[in-house]
Amino acid sequence: MVTGGAGFIGSHLVDKLIEKGNRVIVYDNFDEYYSGKGNNIHSHLSNPDFVLVRADILDSNVLLKAMKDVDVVFHLAAQPGVRFSLENPAKTNSVNTTGTLNVLQAARQMEAKIVIFASSSSVYGIPRYMPVDEEHPKEPISIYGASKLAAEKYCRIYCELLCVPVVMLRYHTVYGPRQRPDMAIRKWTELLLTNKRPIIYGDGNQTRDFTYVSDVVEGTILAAEVEGIDGEIFNLGGGSRASINDVVKSLIEITGKNLQPLYQPPKLGDVYDTHANIQKAKKFLGYNSKVNLKEGLENFVKWFVDNQVRARH
């Protein structure tokens, strides 16, 4: 089962799981936070090894029934958005924290073999040192980060006390085709392709550890396949940093639009830098980042342009 399996990362994970010959249940409520998710999984609807359950992880009864005979639960369903969380704290908490609790309880009752939980680099807050390893203090500065950290605590308790095998993965700034409309790279690309200046919040020197979606999917599947890592936490990142200015500059070159960025004041809740230490994931999972930023951005822009052309026809 992939909760949130129609979403950005979830649908890529579903593609790879089906390609590997698995029977996959997608559990997704198609929340109004963003539209178009149906296109992400449309190609699988006629596949007998694909099952779609349109339901909410807050509906514990439906979740429990849907999880019958499931061996592996990839829990990616979440209410994303650092800025959204500051304006909608109750929804963020209920989906990310209570929703995770529901998934863990259903997995316990249905005796799933393992739960892979998609957490976030947001749990760290402002880095005290970089690259940030898994032992770094957890001091989130957003409701979103706090909700993911609370969910991690539930995962640990279910694993240690209630015998539910759980592995936690801290994703770092995932990007690529099917990216949500509220995510920065998609916003910049859309502005550039409509001949508008890309907007940067802050001075643009802030950095992110950008991670291409296929790399994250590979690491997520490895976490389910490797034995003896119950209860462990792993950073999944690109393992390097790039400034926001450099990313926007690359997008300007890729799109061929000579439009200079428009700078606006920084947004509340955004950390200035992220940089993942991925040595633990390399050692235990055999994980490695394979797609560099330039290649990943080119892939995304190509997908975005192709997607816009299809939408018009």
C-alpha atoms as a PDB file:
ATOM      1  CA  MET A   1       0.000   0.000   0.000  1.00  0.00           C
ATOM      2  CA  VAL A   2       1.125   3.513  -0.830  1.00  0.00           C
ATOM      3  CA  THR A   3      -0.743   6.176   1.122  1.00  0.00           C
ATOM      4  CA  GLY A   4      -0.726   9.402  -0.863  1.00  0.00           C
ATOM      5  CA  GLY A   5       0.030   7.227  -3.885  1.00  0.00           C
ATOM      6  CA  ALA A   6      -1.536   9.623  -6.381  1.00  0.00           C
ATOM      7  CA  GLY A   7       0.694  12.492  -5.278  1.00  0.00           C
ATOM      8  CA  PHE A   8       3.996  13.775  -6.604  1.00  0.00           C
ATOM      9  CA  ILE A   9       6.456  11.374  -4.957  1.00  0.00           C
ATOM     10  CA  GLY A  10       3.867   8.677  -4.262  1.00  0.00           C
ATOM     11  CA  SER A  11       2.895   8.211  -7.909  1.00  0.00           C
ATOM     12  CA  HIS A  12       6.533   7.814  -8.964  1.00  0.00           C
ATOM     13  CA  LEU A  13       6.922   5.212  -6.213  1.00  0.00           C
ATOM     14  CA  VAL A  14       3.813   3.396  -7.489  1.00  0.00           C
ATOM     15  CA  ASP A  15       5.231   3.368 -11.042  1.00  0.00           C
ATOM     16  CA  LYS A  16       8.429   1.725  -9.836  1.00  0.00           C
ATOM     17  CA  LEU A  17       6.683  -0.799  -7.563  1.00  0.00           C
ATOM     18  CA  ILE A  18       4.397  -1.950 -10.384  1.00  0.00           C
ATOM     19  CA  GLU A  19       7.357  -2.091 -12.761  1.00  0.00           C
ATOM     20  CA  LYS A  20       9.009  -4.451 -10.265  1.00  0.00           C
ATOM     21  CA  GLY A  21       5.983  -6.783 -10.384  1.00  0.00           C
ATOM     22  CA  ASN A  22       4.188  -5.875  -7.163  1.00  0.00           C
ATOM     23  CA  ARG A  23       0.473  -5.650  -6.485  1.00  0.00           C
ATOM     24  CA  VAL A  24      -0.107  -2.085  -5.309  1.00  0.00           C
ATOM     25  CA  ILE A  25      -2.965  -0.429  -3.435  1.00  0.00           C
ATOM     26  CA  VAL A  26      -3.037   3.358  -3.709  1.00  0.00           C
ATOM     27  CA  TYR A  27      -4.802   4.985  -0.778  1.00  0.00           C
ATOM     28  CA  ASP A  28      -5.423   8.676  -1.524  1.00  0.00           C
ATOM     29  CA  ASN A  29      -8.162  11.172  -0.690  1.00  0.00           C
ATOM     30  CA  PHE A  30      -7.417  13.502  -3.650  1.00  0.00           C
ATOM     31  CA  ASP A  31      -7.403  16.508  -1.344  1.00  0.00           C
ATOM     32  CA  GLU A  32      -8.303  19.903  -2.833  1.00  0.00           C
ATOM     33  CA  TYR A  33      -4.867  21.257  -1.811  1.00  0.00           C
ATOM     34  CA  TYR A  34      -3.911  20.716  -5.436  1.00  0.00           C
ATOM     35  CA  SER A  35      -5.692  19.251  -8.461  1.00  0.00           C
ATOM     36  CA  GLY A  36      -4.627  17.009 -11.323  1.00  0.00           C
ATOM     37  CA  LYS A  37      -3.409  14.075  -9.258  1.00  0.00           C
ATOM     38  CA  GLY A  38      -5.623  11.687 -11.187  1.00  0.00           C
ATOM     39  CA  ASN A  39      -3.321  12.071 -14.201  1.00  0.00           C
ATOM     40  CA  ASN A  40      -0.410  10.715 -12.162  1.00  0.00           C
ATOM     41  CA  ILE A  41      -1.935   7.250 -11.828  1.00  0.00           C
ATOM     42  CA  HIS A  42      -4.270   7.149 -14.835  1.00  0.00           C
ATOM     43  CA  SER A  43      -2.080   4.706 -16.760  1.00  0.00           C
ATOM     44  CA  HIS A  44      -2.474   2.065 -14.026  1.00  0.00           C
ATOM     45  CA  LEU A  45      -6.269   2.054 -13.718  1.00  0.00           C
ATOM     46  CA  SER A  46      -6.725  -0.905 -16.077  1.00  0.00           C
ATOM     47  CA  ASN A  47      -3.916  -2.916 -14.465  1.00  0.00           C
ATOM     48  CA  PRO A  48      -5.266  -5.888 -12.441  1.00  0.00           C
ATOM     49  CA  ASP A  49      -2.348  -5.485 -10.016  1.00  0.00           C
ATOM     50  CA  PHE A  50      -3.396  -1.916  -9.210  1.00  0.00           C
ATOM     51  CA  VAL A  51      -6.142  -0.995  -6.751  1.00  0.00           C
ATOM     52  CA  LEU A  52      -7.284   2.554  -6.026  1.00  0.00           C
ATOM     53  CA  VAL A  53      -8.960   3.373  -2.714  1.00  0.00           C
ATOM     54  CA  ARG A  54     -10.305   6.929  -2.582  1.00  0.00           C
ATOM     55  CA  ALA A  55     -10.337   7.583   1.135  1.00  0.00           C
ATOM     56  CA  ASP A  56      -8.783   9.612   3.924  1.00  0.00           C
ATOM     57  CA  ILE A  57      -6.149   8.315   6.361  1.00  0.00           C
ATOM     58  CA  LEU A  58      -8.207  10.008   9.072  1.00  0.00           C
ATOM     59  CA  ASP A  59     -10.942   7.433   8.361  1.00  0.00           C
ATOM     60  CA  SER A  60      -9.490   4.640  10.471  1.00  0.00           C
ATOM     61  CA  ASN A  61     -12.179   2.075   9.609  1.00  0.00           C
ATOM     62  CA  VAL A  62     -11.729   2.333   5.844  1.00  0.00           C
ATOM     63  CA  LEU A  63      -7.954   2.388   6.286  1.00  0.00           C
ATOM     64  CA  LEU A  64      -8.038  -0.784   8.348  1.00  0.00           C
ATOM     65  CA  LYS A  65     -10.112  -2.670   5.758  1.00  0.00           C
ATOM     66  CA  ALA A  66      -7.952  -1.452   2.882  1.00  0.00           C
ATOM     67  CA  MET A  67      -4.793  -2.683   4.592  1.00  0.00           C
ATOM     68  CA  LYS A  68      -5.928  -6.307   4.742  1.00  0.00           C
ATOM     69  CA  ASP A  69      -3.238  -8.667   3.388  1.00  0.00           C
ATOM     70  CA  VAL A  70      -0.796  -5.788   2.817  1.00  0.00           C
ATOM     71  CA  ASP A  71       2.844  -6.703   3.479  1.00  0.00           C
ATOM     72  CA  VAL A  72       4.526  -3.322   3.050  1.00  0.00           C
ATOM     73  CA  VAL A  73       3.043   0.090   3.834  1.00  0.00           C
ATOM     74  CA  PHE A  74       4.705   3.131   2.286  1.00  0.00           C
ATOM     75  CA  HIS A  75       3.202   6.029   4.210  1.00  0.00           C
ATOM     76  CA  LEU A  76       3.584   9.163   2.088  1.00  0.00           C
ATOM     77  CA  ALA A  77       0.152  10.759   2.625  1.00  0.00           C
ATOM     78  CA  ALA A  78       0.620  14.164   4.232  1.00  0.00           C
ATOM     79  CA  GLN A  79      -0.498  17.752   4.325  1.00  0.00           C
ATOM     80  CA  PRO A  80       2.551  19.443   2.774  1.00  0.00           C
ATOM     81  CA  GLY A  81       3.633  23.048   2.847  1.00  0.00           C
ATOM     82  CA  VAL A  82       5.645  24.930   5.466  1.00  0.00           C
ATOM     83  CA  ARG A  83       3.791  28.178   4.767  1.00  0.00           C
ATOM     84  CA  PHE A  84       0.410  26.440   4.542  1.00  0.00           C
ATOM     85  CA  SER A  85       1.018  24.883   7.960  1.00  0.00           C
ATOM     86  CA  LEU A  86       1.465  28.246   9.668  1.00  0.00           C
ATOM     87  CA  GLU A  87      -1.971  29.333   8.409  1.00  0.00           C
ATOM     88  CA  ASN A  88      -3.662  25.935   8.832  1.00  0.00           C
ATOM     89  CA  PRO A  89      -2.041  24.329  11.891  1.00  0.00           C
ATOM     90  CA  ALA A  90      -4.981  22.106  12.853  1.00  0.00           C
ATOM     91  CA  LYS A  91      -5.269  20.467   9.433  1.00  0.00           C
ATOM     92  CA  THR A  92      -1.513  19.979   9.198  1.00  0.00           C
ATOM     93  CA  ASN A  93      -1.413  18.344  12.619  1.00  0.00           C
ATOM     94  CA  SER A  94      -4.428  16.097  12.067  1.00  0.00           C
ATOM     95  CA  VAL A  95      -3.264  14.772   8.682  1.00  0.00           C
ATOM     96  CA  ASN A  96       0.441  14.432   9.455  1.00  0.00           C
ATOM     97  CA  THR A  97       0.317  13.344  13.079  1.00  0.00           C
ATOM     98  CA  THR A  98      -3.074  11.729  13.741  1.00  0.00           C
ATOM     99  CA  GLY A  99      -3.064  10.308  10.206  1.00  0.00           C
ATOM    100  CA  THR A 100       0.293   8.639  10.834  1.00  0.00           C
ATOM    101  CA  LEU A 101      -1.007   7.260  14.125  1.00  0.00           C
ATOM    102  CA  ASN A 102      -3.945   5.728  12.236  1.00  0.00           C
ATOM    103  CA  VAL A 103      -1.609   4.141   9.678  1.00  0.00           C
ATOM    104  CA  LEU A 104       0.574   2.670  12.424  1.00  0.00           C
ATOM    105  CA  GLN A 105      -2.422   1.287  14.311  1.00  0.00           C
ATOM    106  CA  ALA A 106      -3.891  -0.291  11.151  1.00  0.00           C
ATOM    107  CA  ALA A 107      -0.500  -1.793  10.294  1.00  0.00           C
ATOM    108  CA  ARG A 108      -0.310  -3.246  13.793  1.00  0.00           C
ATOM    109  CA  GLN A 109      -3.793  -4.756  13.615  1.00  0.00           C
ATOM    110  CA  MET A 110      -3.278  -6.145  10.107  1.00  0.00           C
ATOM    111  CA  GLU A 111       0.239  -7.357  10.958  1.00  0.00           C
ATOM    112  CA  ALA A 112       1.989  -5.603   8.080  1.00  0.00           C
ATOM    113  CA  LYS A 113       5.609  -6.687   7.762  1.00  0.00           C
ATOM    114  CA  ILE A 114       6.983  -3.139   7.611  1.00  0.00           C
ATOM    115  CA  VAL A 115       5.958   0.536   7.474  1.00  0.00           C
ATOM    116  CA  ILE A 116       8.149   3.021   5.604  1.00  0.00           C
ATOM    117  CA  PHE A 117       7.387   6.535   6.837  1.00  0.00           C
ATOM    118  CA  ALA A 118       8.217   9.579   4.704  1.00  0.00           C
ATOM    119  CA  SER A 119       9.397  12.290   7.073  1.00  0.00           C
ATOM    120  CA  SER A 120      11.132  15.558   6.209  1.00  0.00           C
ATOM    121  CA  SER A 121      14.301  17.581   6.640  1.00  0.00           C
ATOM    122  CA  SER A 122      11.995  20.175   8.236  1.00  0.00           C
ATOM    123  CA  VAL A 123      12.296  18.289  11.545  1.00  0.00           C
ATOM    124  CA  TYR A 124      15.833  19.664  11.981  1.00  0.00           C
ATOM    125  CA  GLY A 125      15.035  23.367  11.897  1.00  0.00           C
ATOM    126  CA  ILE A 126      17.976  25.760  11.559  1.00  0.00           C
ATOM    127  CA  PRO A 127      21.181  23.734  11.053  1.00  0.00           C
ATOM    128  CA  ARG A 128      23.785  23.985  13.790  1.00  0.00           C
ATOM    129  CA  TYR A 129      26.268  22.330  11.449  1.00  0.00           C
ATOM    130  CA  MET A 130      26.305  20.989   7.903  1.00  0.00           C
ATOM    131  CA  PRO A 131      25.946  18.519   6.355  1.00  0.00           C
ATOM    132  CA  VAL A 132      23.204  17.561   8.808  1.00  0.00           C
ATOM    133  CA  ASP A 133      23.297  13.964  10.022  1.00  0.00           C
ATOM    134  CA  GLU A 134      20.461  12.005  11.590  1.00  0.00           C
ATOM    135  CA  GLU A 135      21.685  12.791  15.129  1.00  0.00           C
ATOM    136  CA  HIS A 136      21.428  16.562  14.598  1.00  0.00           C
ATOM    137  CA  PRO A 137      19.128  18.280  17.152  1.00  0.00           C
ATOM    138  CA  LYS A 138      15.504  18.347  16.073  1.00  0.00           C
ATOM    139  CA  GLU A 139      14.184  21.921  16.481  1.00  0.00           C
ATOM    140  CA  PRO A 140      11.572  22.530  13.766  1.00  0.00           C
ATOM    141  CA  ILE A 141      10.576  26.132  13.098  1.00  0.00           C
ATOM    142  CA  SER A 142       7.268  25.382  11.344  1.00  0.00           C
ATOM    143  CA  ILE A 143       4.039  23.585  12.228  1.00  0.00           C
ATOM    144  CA  TYR A 144       4.763  21.240   9.322  1.00  0.00           C
ATOM    145  CA  GLY A 145       8.164  20.292  10.731  1.00  0.00           C
ATOM    146  CA  ALA A 146       6.717  19.820  14.215  1.00  0.00           C
ATOM    147  CA  SER A 147       3.937  17.581  12.873  1.00  0.00           C
ATOM    148  CA  LYS A 148       6.460  15.376  11.069  1.00  0.00           C
ATOM    149  CA  LEU A 149       8.635  15.137  14.185  1.00  0.00           C
ATOM    150  CA  ALA A 150       5.617  14.157  16.291  1.00  0.00           C
ATOM    151  CA  ALA A 151       4.788  11.478  13.718  1.00  0.00           C
ATOM    152  CA  GLU A 152       8.361  10.181  13.953  1.00  0.00           C
ATOM    153  CA  LYS A 153       7.939   9.845  17.734  1.00  0.00           C
ATOM    154  CA  TYR A 154       4.820   7.732  17.212  1.00  0.00           C
ATOM    155  CA  CYS A 155       6.723   5.579  14.713  1.00  0.00           C
ATOM    156  CA  ARG A 156       9.490   4.978  17.230  1.00  0.00           C
ATOM    157  CA  ILE A 157       7.059   4.020  19.990  1.00  0.00           C
ATOM    158  CA  TYR A 158       5.118   1.624  17.741  1.00  0.00           C
ATOM    159  CA  CYS A 159       8.379   0.054  16.634  1.00  0.00           C
ATOM    160  CA  GLU A 160       9.983  -0.280  20.077  1.00  0.00           C
ATOM    161  CA  LEU A 161       6.950  -1.068  22.244  1.00  0.00           C
ATOM    162  CA  LEU A 162       4.260  -2.441  19.934  1.00  0.00           C
ATOM    163  CA  CYS A 163       6.423  -4.513  17.564  1.00  0.00           C
ATOM    164  CA  VAL A 164       5.499  -2.709  14.339  1.00  0.00           C
ATOM    165  CA  PRO A 165       8.616  -2.638  12.126  1.00  0.00           C
ATOM    166  CA  VAL A 166       9.091   0.967  10.958  1.00  0.00           C
ATOM    167  CA  VAL A 167      11.808   2.742   8.978  1.00  0.00           C
ATOM    168  CA  MET A 168      11.782   6.558   8.824  1.00  0.00           C
ATOM    169  CA  LEU A 169      13.120   8.554   5.881  1.00  0.00           C
ATOM    170  CA  ARG A 170      13.846  12.274   5.993  1.00  0.00           C
ATOM    171  CA  TYR A 171      13.331  13.594   2.464  1.00  0.00           C
ATOM    172  CA  HIS A 172      15.262  16.719   1.399  1.00  0.00           C
ATOM    173  CA  THR A 173      13.690  19.149  -1.125  1.00  0.00           C
ATOM    174  CA  VAL A 174      12.438  16.596  -3.630  1.00  0.00           C
ATOM    175  CA  TYR A 175      11.796  17.868  -7.169  1.00  0.00           C
ATOM    176  CA  GLY A 176      11.026  16.482 -10.612  1.00  0.00           C
ATOM    177  CA  PRO A 177       8.121  15.719 -12.973  1.00  0.00           C
ATOM    178  CA  ARG A 178       4.614  15.890 -11.409  1.00  0.00           C
ATOM    179  CA  GLN A 179       5.836  18.400  -8.843  1.00  0.00           C
ATOM    180  CA  ARG A 180       3.046  20.144  -6.945  1.00  0.00           C
ATOM    181  CA  PRO A 181       1.950  23.572  -8.257  1.00  0.00           C
ATOM    182  CA  ASP A 182       2.900  25.213  -4.928  1.00  0.00           C
ATOM    183  CA  MET A 183       6.553  24.099  -5.128  1.00  0.00           C
ATOM    184  CA  ALA A 184       9.238  26.627  -6.023  1.00  0.00           C
ATOM    185  CA  ILE A 185      10.821  25.019  -9.095  1.00  0.00           C
ATOM    186  CA  ARG A 186       7.423  24.592 -10.720  1.00  0.00           C
ATOM    187  CA  LYS A 187       6.415  28.159  -9.876  1.00  0.00           C
ATOM    188  CA  TRP A 188       9.630  29.595 -11.338  1.00  0.00           C
ATOM    189  CA  THR A 189       9.280  27.498 -14.479  1.00  0.00           C
ATOM    190  CA  GLU A 190       5.658  28.538 -14.989  1.00  0.00           C
ATOM    191  CA  LEU A 191       6.524  32.214 -14.561  1.00  0.00           C
ATOM    192  CA  LEU A 192       9.457  32.030 -16.968  1.00  0.00           C
ATOM    193  CA  LEU A 193       7.486  30.194 -19.646  1.00  0.00           C
ATOM    194  CA  THR A 194       4.750  32.844 -19.462  1.00  0.00           C
ATOM    195  CA  ASN A 195       7.378  35.600 -19.796  1.00  0.00           C
ATOM    196  CA  LYS A 196       7.149  36.717 -16.171  1.00  0.00           C
ATOM    197  CA  ARG A 197      10.012  37.332 -13.767  1.00  0.00           C
ATOM    198  CA  PRO A 198      10.630  34.492 -11.282  1.00  0.00           C
ATOM    199  CA  ILE A 199      10.022  35.534  -7.671  1.00  0.00           C
ATOM    200  CA  ILE A 200      12.679  34.782  -5.048  1.00  0.00           C
ATOM    201  CA  TYR A 201      11.866  35.251  -1.370  1.00  0.00           C
ATOM    202  CA  GLY A 202      14.960  36.535   0.444  1.00  0.00           C
ATOM    203  CA  ASP A 203      18.342  37.298  -1.107  1.00  0.00           C
ATOM    204  CA  GLY A 204      18.557  34.021  -3.076  1.00  0.00           C
ATOM    205  CA  ASN A 205      21.802  32.984  -1.409  1.00  0.00           C
ATOM    206  CA  GLN A 206      19.938  30.500   0.769  1.00  0.00           C
ATOM    207  CA  THR A 207      20.674  26.896  -0.186  1.00  0.00           C
ATOM    208  CA  ARG A 208      18.791  23.636  -0.513  1.00  0.00           C
ATOM    209  CA  ASP A 209      19.820  20.025  -0.880  1.00  0.00           C
ATOM    210  CA  PHE A 210      17.771  19.331  -4.004  1.00  0.00           C
ATOM    211  CA  THR A 211      16.945  15.649  -4.489  1.00  0.00           C
ATOM    212  CA  TYR A 212      15.591  14.256  -7.746  1.00  0.00           C
ATOM    213  CA  VAL A 213      12.421  12.216  -7.350  1.00  0.00           C
ATOM    214  CA  SER A 214      13.796   8.983  -8.864  1.00  0.00           C
ATOM    215  CA  ASP A 215      16.633   8.990  -6.323  1.00  0.00           C
ATOM    216  CA  VAL A 216      14.180   9.359  -3.436  1.00  0.00           C
ATOM    217  CA  VAL A 217      11.997   6.565  -4.842  1.00  0.00           C
ATOM    218  CA  GLU A 218      14.991   4.241  -5.097  1.00  0.00           C
ATOM    219  CA  GLY A 219      15.994   4.978  -1.504  1.00  0.00           C
ATOM    220  CA  THR A 220      12.421   4.455  -0.312  1.00  0.00           C
ATOM    221  CA  ILE A 221      12.185   1.015  -1.931  1.00  0.00           C
ATOM    222  CA  LEU A 222      15.623   0.039  -0.595  1.00  0.00           C
ATOM    223  CA  ALA A 223      14.384   0.865   2.915  1.00  0.00           C
ATOM    224  CA  ALA A 224      11.667  -1.774   2.484  1.00  0.00           C
ATOM    225  CA  GLU A 225      14.004  -4.381   1.016  1.00  0.00           C
ATOM    226  CA  VAL A 226      17.000  -4.185   3.367  1.00  0.00           C
ATOM    227  CA  GLU A 227      16.647  -6.348   6.472  1.00  0.00           C
ATOM    228  CA  GLY A 228      17.639  -5.565  10.034  1.00  0.00           C
ATOM    229  CA  ILE A 229      17.003  -1.794   9.988  1.00  0.00           C
ATOM    230  CA  ASP A 230      13.746  -1.613  11.969  1.00  0.00           C
ATOM    231  CA  GLY A 231      13.483   1.631  13.913  1.00  0.00           C
ATOM    232  CA  GLU A 232      16.237   3.364  11.947  1.00  0.00           C
ATOM    233  CA  ILE A 233      16.082   6.885  10.495  1.00  0.00           C
ATOM    234  CA  PHE A 234      17.801   7.851   7.237  1.00  0.00           C
ATOM    235  CA  ASN A 235      18.380  11.110   5.414  1.00  0.00           C
ATOM    236  CA  LEU A 236      17.553  10.873   1.712  1.00  0.00           C
ATOM    237  CA  GLY A 237      19.090  13.811  -0.087  1.00  0.00           C
ATOM    238  CA  GLY A 238      21.192  14.814  -3.023  1.00  0.00           C
ATOM    239  CA  GLY A 239      24.201  15.134  -0.733  1.00  0.00           C
ATOM    240  CA  SER A 240      25.129  18.613  -1.996  1.00  0.00           C
ATOM    241  CA  ARG A 241      23.811  22.170  -1.853  1.00  0.00           C
ATOM    242  CA  ALA A 242      22.780  24.701  -4.461  1.00  0.00           C
ATOM    243  CA  SER A 243      21.708  28.295  -3.928  1.00  0.00           C
ATOM    244  CA  ILE A 244      18.279  29.486  -4.963  1.00  0.00           C
ATOM    245  CA  ASN A 245      19.979  32.056  -7.223  1.00  0.00           C
ATOM    246  CA  ASP A 246      21.880  29.292  -9.028  1.00  0.00           C
ATOM    247  CA  VAL A 247      18.734  27.186  -9.524  1.00  0.00           C
ATOM    248  CA  VAL A 248      16.799  30.122 -10.973  1.00  0.00           C
ATOM    249  CA  LYS A 249      19.780  30.977 -13.198  1.00  0.00           C
ATOM    250  CA  SER A 250      19.786  27.385 -14.514  1.00  0.00           C
ATOM    251  CA  LEU A 251      16.044  27.540 -15.212  1.00  0.00           C
ATOM    252  CA  ILE A 252      16.519  30.828 -17.093  1.00  0.00           C
ATOM    253  CA  GLU A 253      19.157  29.132 -19.271  1.00  0.00           C
ATOM    254  CA  ILE A 254      17.057  25.986 -19.833  1.00  0.00           C
ATOM    255  CA  THR A 255      13.904  27.922 -20.767  1.00  0.00           C
ATOM    256  CA  GLY A 256      15.834  30.467 -22.826  1.00  0.00           C
ATOM    257  CA  LYS A 257      14.053  33.349 -21.096  1.00  0.00           C
ATOM    258  CA  ASN A 258      16.245  36.334 -20.244  1.00  0.00           C
ATOM    259  CA  LEU A 259      14.180  37.505 -17.277  1.00  0.00           C
ATOM    260  CA  GLN A 260      15.853  38.649 -14.083  1.00  0.00           C
ATOM    261  CA  PRO A 261      14.461  37.466 -10.721  1.00  0.00           C
ATOM    262  CA  LEU A 262      12.195  39.666  -8.643  1.00  0.00           C
ATOM    263  CA  TYR A 263      13.292  39.645  -4.996  1.00  0.00           C
ATOM    264  CA  GLN A 264      10.753  39.845  -2.175  1.00  0.00           C
ATOM    265  CA  PRO A 265      11.050  39.588   1.636  1.00  0.00           C
ATOM    266  CA  PRO A 266      11.733  36.092   3.038  1.00  0.00           C
ATOM    267  CA  LYS A 267       8.822  33.948   4.166  1.00  0.00           C
ATOM    268  CA  LEU A 268       8.173  32.956   7.762  1.00  0.00           C
ATOM    269  CA  GLY A 269       9.126  29.364   8.660  1.00  0.00           C
ATOM    270  CA  ASP A 270      11.704  28.835   5.901  1.00  0.00           C
ATOM    271  CA  VAL A 271      15.159  27.712   7.041  1.00  0.00           C
ATOM    272  CA  TYR A 272      18.083  29.382   5.288  1.00  0.00           C
ATOM    273  CA  ASP A 273      20.064  26.248   4.431  1.00  0.00           C
ATOM    274  CA  THR A 274      19.573  22.492   4.129  1.00  0.00           C
ATOM    275  CA  HIS A 275      22.289  19.940   3.412  1.00  0.00           C
ATOM    276  CA  ALA A 276      21.903  16.216   4.081  1.00  0.00           C
ATOM    277  CA  ASN A 277      24.640  13.929   5.304  1.00  0.00           C
ATOM    278  CA  ILE A 278      23.675  10.742   3.425  1.00  0.00           C
ATOM    279  CA  GLN A 279      26.501   8.506   4.648  1.00  0.00           C
ATOM    280  CA  LYS A 280      24.192   6.392   6.813  1.00  0.00           C
ATOM    281  CA  ALA A 281      21.827   5.728   3.885  1.00  0.00           C
ATOM    282  CA  LYS A 282      24.820   4.853   1.702  1.00  0.00           C
ATOM    283  CA  LYS A 283      26.152   2.421   4.299  1.00  0.00           C
ATOM    284  CA  PHE A 284      22.956   0.620   5.298  1.00  0.00           C
ATOM    285  CA  LEU A 285      20.714   0.995   2.229  1.00  0.00           C
ATOM    286  CA  GLY A 286      23.216   1.185  -0.592  1.00  0.00           C
ATOM    287  CA  TYR A 287      21.589   4.514  -1.454  1.00  0.00           C
ATOM    288  CA  ASN A 288      23.218   7.033  -3.737  1.00  0.00           C
ATOM    289  CA  SER A 289      22.107  10.173  -5.504  1.00  0.00           C
ATOM    290  CA  LYS A 290      22.417   9.602  -9.256  1.00  0.00           C
ATOM    291  CA  VAL A 291      20.704  12.531 -10.988  1.00  0.00           C
ATOM    292  CA  ASN A 292      22.566  15.842 -10.830  1.00  0.00           C
ATOM    293  CA  LEU A 293      20.720  19.140 -10.526  1.00  0.00           C
ATOM    294  CA  LYS A 294      21.185  20.314 -14.117  1.00  0.00           C
ATOM    295  CA  GLU A 295      19.886  17.030 -15.539  1.00  0.00           C
ATOM    296  CA  GLY A 296      17.014  16.995 -13.076  1.00  0.00           C
ATOM    297  CA  LEU A 297      15.963  20.550 -13.911  1.00  0.00           C
ATOM    298  CA  GLU A 298      16.087  19.783 -17.643  1.00  0.00           C
ATOM    299  CA  ASN A 299      13.903  16.705 -17.065  1.00  0.00           C
ATOM    300  CA  PHE A 300      11.421  18.764 -15.088  1.00  0.00           C
ATOM    301  CA  VAL A 301      11.151  21.572 -17.644  1.00  0.00           C
ATOM    302  CA  LYS A 302      10.661  19.047 -20.456  1.00  0.00           C
ATOM    303  CA  TRP A 303       7.875  17.341 -18.483  1.00  0.00           C
ATOM    304  CA  PHE A 304       6.255  20.684 -17.672  1.00  0.00           C
ATOM    305  CA  VAL A 305       6.271  21.828 -21.306  1.00  0.00           C
ATOM    306  CA  ASP A 306       4.958  18.459 -22.541  1.00  0.00           C
ATOM    307  CA  ASN A 307       2.281  18.486 -19.858  1.00  0.00           C
ATOM    308  CA  GLN A 308       1.114  21.982 -20.842  1.00  0.00           C
ATOM    309  CA  VAL A 309       0.911  20.932 -24.511  1.00  0.00           C
ATOM    310  CA  ARG A 310      -1.197  17.865 -23.606  1.00  0.00           C
ATOM    311  CA  ALA A 311      -3.469  19.991 -21.429  1.00  0.00           C
ATOM    312  CA  ARG A 312      -4.182  22.323 -24.364  1.00  0.00           C
ATOM    313  CA  HIS A 313      -5.137  19.385 -26.572  1.00  0.00           C
END
